[in-house]
Amino acid sequence: MTQIPFAVGEEFPSKWQAPLFIDDQLTQFMRLDICNIGGFTEAMKLAGWCETSYIDVMPHNPLGPICTAATVHLCAAVPNLSWVETRQSPVENLGFHDTRQFPEQIDLVGPVYPVPGVPGLSVEVDETALIIAVSAPVECPHLQRPDGSVTNW
């Protein structure tokens, strides 16, 4: 009942949450997250399913260098790719591009991620840097709507 395109799926834990949105034509973009959906196999199955219904894939990519590398490889393999989320843009860098913990990773070049020409994901992890890194629990924002209900941040 609206002309505004919908994008869903970034929190789907498996492909089995998608049928309602695909079969009932309730979305124009599938925001699958390769780290949430079950890896490459499940992501490719869902992307193919979307392709048969003319739904573009717009990957959700918020989890850092390993997620980004996996997402880049996924994007190179699907014909119905639209856009990809990134946390390395000039206007949004949430600290995920840490070269101490991930000395080798896929870098954004202009508006694109070049697909590496080497085996694997092209991410190197410095395990020593991970061990000595200080981590602390983070409490995510608790956003509320005007009616008092809780909403996603």
Protein backbone atom coordinates (compact mmCIF):
# COMPACT_ATOMS: atom_id res chain seq x y z
CA MET A 1 0.00 0.00 0.00
CA THR A 2 3.05 2.23 -0.39
CA GLN A 3 5.53 3.00 -3.14
CA ILE A 4 8.44 3.08 -0.67
CA PRO A 5 10.68 0.02 -1.16
CA PHE A 6 11.16 -2.18 1.90
CA ALA A 7 14.37 -3.85 3.03
CA VAL A 8 14.16 -6.69 5.56
CA GLY A 9 16.26 -9.54 6.87
CA GLU A 10 19.26 -8.14 8.71
CA GLU A 11 18.32 -9.96 11.90
CA PHE A 12 17.11 -13.23 10.32
CA PRO A 13 18.93 -16.14 12.02
CA SER A 14 18.21 -18.47 9.10
CA LYS A 15 16.65 -18.55 5.65
CA TRP A 16 13.40 -19.82 7.16
CA GLN A 17 12.36 -16.33 8.31
CA ALA A 18 12.32 -15.07 4.70
CA PRO A 19 9.48 -16.99 2.94
CA LEU A 20 6.66 -14.75 4.13
CA PHE A 21 8.44 -11.64 2.86
CA ILE A 22 9.48 -13.23 -0.44
CA ASP A 23 6.37 -15.21 -1.30
CA ASP A 24 3.94 -12.44 -0.34
CA GLN A 25 6.09 -9.81 -2.13
CA LEU A 26 6.47 -7.76 1.05
CA THR A 27 10.04 -6.63 0.38
CA GLN A 28 12.13 -5.32 -2.49
CA PHE A 29 15.51 -5.80 -0.79
CA MET A 30 16.81 -8.71 1.30
CA ARG A 31 19.23 -7.40 3.93
CA LEU A 32 20.79 -10.75 4.74
CA ASP A 33 23.71 -10.79 7.15
CA ILE A 34 26.13 -13.60 6.29
CA CYS A 35 27.20 -13.82 9.94
CA ASN A 36 23.62 -14.18 11.22
CA ILE A 37 22.00 -16.21 8.44
CA GLY A 38 24.26 -19.26 8.71
CA GLY A 39 27.30 -18.55 6.54
CA PHE A 40 27.92 -18.79 2.81
CA THR A 41 25.70 -21.77 2.09
CA GLU A 42 22.56 -20.34 3.66
CA ALA A 43 23.28 -16.85 2.30
CA MET A 44 23.65 -18.19 -1.24
CA LYS A 45 20.44 -20.20 -0.93
CA LEU A 46 18.53 -17.13 0.22
CA ALA A 47 20.08 -14.93 -2.48
CA GLY A 48 19.04 -17.45 -5.14
CA TRP A 49 15.55 -17.66 -3.69
CA CYS A 50 15.33 -13.86 -3.82
CA GLU A 51 16.59 -13.80 -7.40
CA THR A 52 13.66 -15.97 -8.53
CA SER A 53 11.29 -13.33 -7.15
CA TYR A 54 13.22 -10.30 -8.49
CA ILE A 55 14.30 -9.23 -5.01
CA ASP A 56 17.72 -7.62 -4.79
CA VAL A 57 20.23 -8.56 -2.09
CA MET A 58 21.49 -5.67 0.03
CA PRO A 59 23.80 -7.28 2.62
CA HIS A 60 23.89 -6.08 6.21
CA ASN A 61 27.56 -5.77 7.19
CA PRO A 62 28.05 -4.33 10.69
CA LEU A 63 30.41 -6.75 12.41
CA GLY A 64 33.94 -5.84 11.37
CA PRO A 65 36.70 -6.99 9.01
CA ILE A 66 35.87 -10.71 8.91
CA CYS A 67 32.19 -10.01 8.22
CA THR A 68 33.19 -7.47 5.58
CA ALA A 69 35.51 -9.93 3.83
CA ALA A 70 32.82 -12.64 3.80
CA THR A 71 30.27 -10.10 2.55
CA VAL A 72 32.56 -8.97 -0.28
CA HIS A 73 32.97 -12.56 -1.47
CA LEU A 74 29.22 -13.15 -1.22
CA CYS A 75 28.52 -9.99 -3.22
CA ALA A 76 30.88 -11.12 -5.97
CA ALA A 77 28.89 -14.36 -6.31
CA VAL A 78 25.29 -13.10 -6.48
CA PRO A 79 23.80 -11.59 -9.64
CA ASN A 80 21.03 -9.76 -7.78
CA LEU A 81 23.30 -7.55 -5.66
CA SER A 82 22.09 -4.02 -5.06
CA TRP A 83 24.19 -2.26 -2.40
CA VAL A 84 26.25 -3.32 0.59
CA GLU A 85 26.38 -1.72 4.02
CA THR A 86 29.83 -0.68 5.24
CA ARG A 87 31.35 0.74 8.39
CA GLN A 88 34.42 2.06 6.58
CA SER A 89 32.90 5.00 4.76
CA PRO A 90 34.40 8.49 5.15
CA VAL A 91 31.36 9.51 7.20
CA GLU A 92 31.01 6.40 9.37
CA ASN A 93 33.93 4.55 10.89
CA LEU A 94 33.01 2.83 14.12
CA GLY A 95 36.51 1.56 14.85
CA PHE A 96 36.06 -1.68 12.93
CA HIS A 97 39.05 -0.92 10.72
CA ASP A 98 41.60 -1.77 13.43
CA THR A 99 44.90 -2.65 11.76
CA ARG A 100 46.43 -3.79 15.07
CA GLN A 101 44.05 -6.73 15.44
CA PHE A 102 43.47 -7.22 11.71
CA PRO A 103 46.71 -6.16 9.95
CA GLU A 104 45.51 -7.52 6.59
CA GLN A 105 41.93 -6.86 5.54
CA ILE A 106 39.86 -5.76 2.59
CA ASP A 107 39.85 -1.98 2.26
CA LEU A 108 37.22 0.21 0.71
CA VAL A 109 38.64 1.84 -2.43
CA GLY A 110 36.46 4.81 -3.27
CA PRO A 111 32.92 3.47 -3.23
CA VAL A 112 33.82 -0.21 -3.79
CA TYR A 113 35.51 -3.16 -2.16
CA PRO A 114 37.80 -4.87 -4.67
CA VAL A 115 37.49 -8.65 -4.63
CA PRO A 116 40.86 -10.12 -3.59
CA GLY A 117 42.57 -12.43 -6.04
CA VAL A 118 43.99 -14.78 -3.42
CA PRO A 119 42.52 -17.83 -1.66
CA GLY A 120 40.56 -17.37 1.53
CA LEU A 121 38.84 -14.30 2.90
CA SER A 122 41.99 -12.12 2.72
CA VAL A 123 41.87 -11.22 6.41
CA GLU A 124 44.81 -11.74 8.74
CA VAL A 125 44.12 -11.85 12.47
CA ASP A 126 46.79 -10.93 15.01
CA GLU A 127 45.81 -13.26 17.85
CA THR A 128 48.29 -11.65 20.26
CA ALA A 129 46.66 -8.25 19.69
CA LEU A 130 43.25 -9.80 20.35
CA ILE A 131 44.46 -11.34 23.61
CA ILE A 132 45.85 -8.07 24.98
CA ALA A 133 42.97 -5.93 23.72
CA VAL A 134 40.84 -4.49 26.46
CA SER A 135 37.20 -5.31 26.07
CA ALA A 136 34.30 -4.23 28.18
CA PRO A 137 30.63 -5.06 28.08
CA VAL A 138 28.57 -2.60 26.10
CA GLU A 139 24.95 -1.86 26.84
CA CYS A 140 23.11 -1.15 23.61
CA PRO A 141 20.74 1.82 23.53
CA HIS A 142 17.21 1.18 24.74
CA LEU A 143 15.08 3.26 22.41
CA GLN A 144 11.42 3.84 23.03
CA ARG A 145 8.60 5.02 20.82
CA PRO A 146 6.24 7.80 21.93
CA ASP A 147 3.75 5.16 23.10
CA GLY A 148 6.40 3.66 25.43
CA SER A 149 7.07 0.52 23.40
CA VAL A 150 10.66 -0.55 22.87
CA THR A 151 12.12 -0.31 19.37
CA ASN A 152 15.23 -1.60 17.66
CA TRP A 153 18.26 0.62 17.59
